[in-house]
Amino acid sequence: MNSGNDSTYQRQSTQVGGGDVVPNTEALGRIAQKVLTLLSKGGLYSVVDITNRLGISDPRGHIRDLRAKGYSIGDIWVTTHYGNRFKKYFLINK
């Protein structure tokens, strides 16, 4: 996880119209691109949601890699009525 020291990570970005800077999707692997595409649709997705929709075993490493490449992926803790906790992930639109 990024501890606030952005110099640790090599961020690749592309300038688009209006002066916005967006990360470069060409540098992503096939599975990371699938995860990003799903998160880009909006909504909150648990690891199980992502695994079931994309057929990948564990998306957390890909989410970590996307964050390291400059994508703003947020997460929230969810607690079930049994007291179990898990995270749901979402793409933060700036």
C-alpha atoms as a PDB file:
ATOM      1  CA  MET A   1       0.000   0.000   0.000  1.00  0.00           C
ATOM      2  CA  ASN A   2       1.204   3.492  -0.743  1.00  0.00           C
ATOM      3  CA  SER A   3       2.238   5.161   2.498  1.00  0.00           C
ATOM      4  CA  GLY A   4       1.988   8.627   1.013  1.00  0.00           C
ATOM      5  CA  ASN A   5       5.424   8.559  -0.599  1.00  0.00           C
ATOM      6  CA  ASP A   6       4.512   8.811  -4.285  1.00  0.00           C
ATOM      7  CA  SER A   7       8.172   8.822  -5.301  1.00  0.00           C
ATOM      8  CA  THR A   8       8.181   5.068  -4.599  1.00  0.00           C
ATOM      9  CA  TYR A   9       5.982   4.419  -7.610  1.00  0.00           C
ATOM     10  CA  GLN A  10       6.597   5.103 -11.293  1.00  0.00           C
ATOM     11  CA  ARG A  11       3.369   6.711 -12.467  1.00  0.00           C
ATOM     12  CA  GLN A  12       2.558   6.759 -16.151  1.00  0.00           C
ATOM     13  CA  SER A  13      -0.028   9.223 -17.365  1.00  0.00           C
ATOM     14  CA  THR A  14      -1.376  10.769 -20.511  1.00  0.00           C
ATOM     15  CA  GLN A  15      -2.506  14.362 -21.041  1.00  0.00           C
ATOM     16  CA  VAL A  16      -6.038  14.644 -22.431  1.00  0.00           C
ATOM     17  CA  GLY A  17      -8.168  17.595 -23.517  1.00  0.00           C
ATOM     18  CA  GLY A  18      -8.872  20.229 -20.894  1.00  0.00           C
ATOM     19  CA  GLY A  19      -5.606  19.656 -19.091  1.00  0.00           C
ATOM     20  CA  ASP A  20      -6.775  16.548 -17.221  1.00  0.00           C
ATOM     21  CA  VAL A  21      -4.181  13.886 -16.551  1.00  0.00           C
ATOM     22  CA  VAL A  22      -5.304  10.274 -16.704  1.00  0.00           C
ATOM     23  CA  PRO A  23      -3.198   7.160 -16.139  1.00  0.00           C
ATOM     24  CA  ASN A  24      -1.908   5.320 -19.215  1.00  0.00           C
ATOM     25  CA  THR A  25      -3.961   2.157 -19.774  1.00  0.00           C
ATOM     26  CA  GLU A  26      -1.488   0.849 -22.379  1.00  0.00           C
ATOM     27  CA  ALA A  27       0.908  -0.112 -19.550  1.00  0.00           C
ATOM     28  CA  LEU A  28      -1.678  -2.424 -17.921  1.00  0.00           C
ATOM     29  CA  GLY A  29      -1.795  -6.188 -18.139  1.00  0.00           C
ATOM     30  CA  ARG A  30      -4.840  -7.957 -19.543  1.00  0.00           C
ATOM     31  CA  ILE A  31      -6.371  -8.841 -16.162  1.00  0.00           C
ATOM     32  CA  ALA A  32      -5.669  -5.432 -14.606  1.00  0.00           C
ATOM     33  CA  GLN A  33      -7.404  -3.869 -17.621  1.00  0.00           C
ATOM     34  CA  LYS A  34     -10.449  -6.105 -17.012  1.00  0.00           C
ATOM     35  CA  VAL A  35     -10.574  -5.067 -13.344  1.00  0.00           C
ATOM     36  CA  LEU A  36     -10.281  -1.395 -14.309  1.00  0.00           C
ATOM     37  CA  THR A  37     -13.043  -1.737 -16.907  1.00  0.00           C
ATOM     38  CA  LEU A  38     -15.372  -3.280 -14.325  1.00  0.00           C
ATOM     39  CA  LEU A  39     -14.630  -0.615 -11.710  1.00  0.00           C
ATOM     40  CA  SER A  40     -15.107   2.085 -14.369  1.00  0.00           C
ATOM     41  CA  LYS A  41     -18.754   1.028 -14.709  1.00  0.00           C
ATOM     42  CA  GLY A  42     -19.398   2.448 -11.249  1.00  0.00           C
ATOM     43  CA  GLY A  43     -20.667   0.768  -8.145  1.00  0.00           C
ATOM     44  CA  LEU A  44     -19.055  -1.108  -5.294  1.00  0.00           C
ATOM     45  CA  TYR A  45     -17.446  -4.514  -5.861  1.00  0.00           C
ATOM     46  CA  SER A  46     -16.179  -7.050  -3.320  1.00  0.00           C
ATOM     47  CA  VAL A  47     -13.395  -9.503  -4.121  1.00  0.00           C
ATOM     48  CA  VAL A  48     -16.072 -12.165  -4.625  1.00  0.00           C
ATOM     49  CA  ASP A  49     -18.041  -9.876  -6.979  1.00  0.00           C
ATOM     50  CA  ILE A  50     -14.949  -9.196  -9.100  1.00  0.00           C
ATOM     51  CA  THR A  51     -13.902 -12.860  -9.066  1.00  0.00           C
ATOM     52  CA  ASN A  52     -17.336 -14.040 -10.181  1.00  0.00           C
ATOM     53  CA  ARG A  53     -17.774 -11.407 -12.882  1.00  0.00           C
ATOM     54  CA  LEU A  54     -14.289 -11.686 -14.369  1.00  0.00           C
ATOM     55  CA  GLY A  55     -13.367 -15.297 -13.612  1.00  0.00           C
ATOM     56  CA  ILE A  56     -10.083 -14.419 -11.906  1.00  0.00           C
ATOM     57  CA  SER A  57      -8.894 -15.978  -8.667  1.00  0.00           C
ATOM     58  CA  ASP A  58      -7.892 -12.974  -6.533  1.00  0.00           C
ATOM     59  CA  PRO A  59      -8.160  -9.388  -7.825  1.00  0.00           C
ATOM     60  CA  ARG A  60      -6.516  -7.718  -4.797  1.00  0.00           C
ATOM     61  CA  GLY A  61      -3.040  -7.842  -6.323  1.00  0.00           C
ATOM     62  CA  HIS A  62      -4.334  -6.262  -9.523  1.00  0.00           C
ATOM     63  CA  ILE A  63      -6.075  -3.539  -7.507  1.00  0.00           C
ATOM     64  CA  ARG A  64      -2.781  -2.885  -5.690  1.00  0.00           C
ATOM     65  CA  ASP A  65      -0.958  -2.653  -9.039  1.00  0.00           C
ATOM     66  CA  LEU A  66      -3.593  -0.277 -10.458  1.00  0.00           C
ATOM     67  CA  ARG A  67      -3.221   1.976  -7.425  1.00  0.00           C
ATOM     68  CA  ALA A  68       0.560   1.933  -7.843  1.00  0.00           C
ATOM     69  CA  LYS A  69       0.106   3.058 -11.460  1.00  0.00           C
ATOM     70  CA  GLY A  70      -1.904   6.078 -10.365  1.00  0.00           C
ATOM     71  CA  TYR A  71      -5.512   4.911 -10.472  1.00  0.00           C
ATOM     72  CA  SER A  72      -7.637   6.215  -7.591  1.00  0.00           C
ATOM     73  CA  ILE A  73      -9.349   3.103  -6.289  1.00  0.00           C
ATOM     74  CA  GLY A  74     -11.145   3.510  -3.004  1.00  0.00           C
ATOM     75  CA  ASP A  75     -12.456   0.888  -0.633  1.00  0.00           C
ATOM     76  CA  ILE A  76     -14.888   0.681   2.229  1.00  0.00           C
ATOM     77  CA  TRP A  77     -15.288  -1.919   4.946  1.00  0.00           C
ATOM     78  CA  VAL A  78     -18.651  -3.699   5.030  1.00  0.00           C
ATOM     79  CA  THR A  79     -19.849  -5.607   8.088  1.00  0.00           C
ATOM     80  CA  THR A  80     -22.406  -8.383   7.659  1.00  0.00           C
ATOM     81  CA  HIS A  81     -25.165  -9.019  10.172  1.00  0.00           C
ATOM     82  CA  TYR A  82     -23.006 -11.937  11.425  1.00  0.00           C
ATOM     83  CA  GLY A  83     -20.158  -9.544  12.208  1.00  0.00           C
ATOM     84  CA  ASN A  84     -17.903 -10.619   9.307  1.00  0.00           C
ATOM     85  CA  ARG A  85     -16.049  -7.816   7.531  1.00  0.00           C
ATOM     86  CA  PHE A  86     -14.901  -7.440   3.937  1.00  0.00           C
ATOM     87  CA  LYS A  87     -13.956  -4.628   1.584  1.00  0.00           C
ATOM     88  CA  LYS A  88     -15.787  -3.267  -1.433  1.00  0.00           C
ATOM     89  CA  TYR A  89     -13.758  -1.436  -4.058  1.00  0.00           C
ATOM     90  CA  PHE A  90     -14.707   1.441  -6.346  1.00  0.00           C
ATOM     91  CA  LEU A  91     -13.075   3.815  -8.808  1.00  0.00           C
ATOM     92  CA  ILE A  92     -12.845   7.400  -7.590  1.00  0.00           C
ATOM     93  CA  ASN A  93     -13.722   9.837 -10.364  1.00  0.00           C
ATOM     94  CA  LYS A  94     -11.904  13.135 -10.005  1.00  0.00           C
END
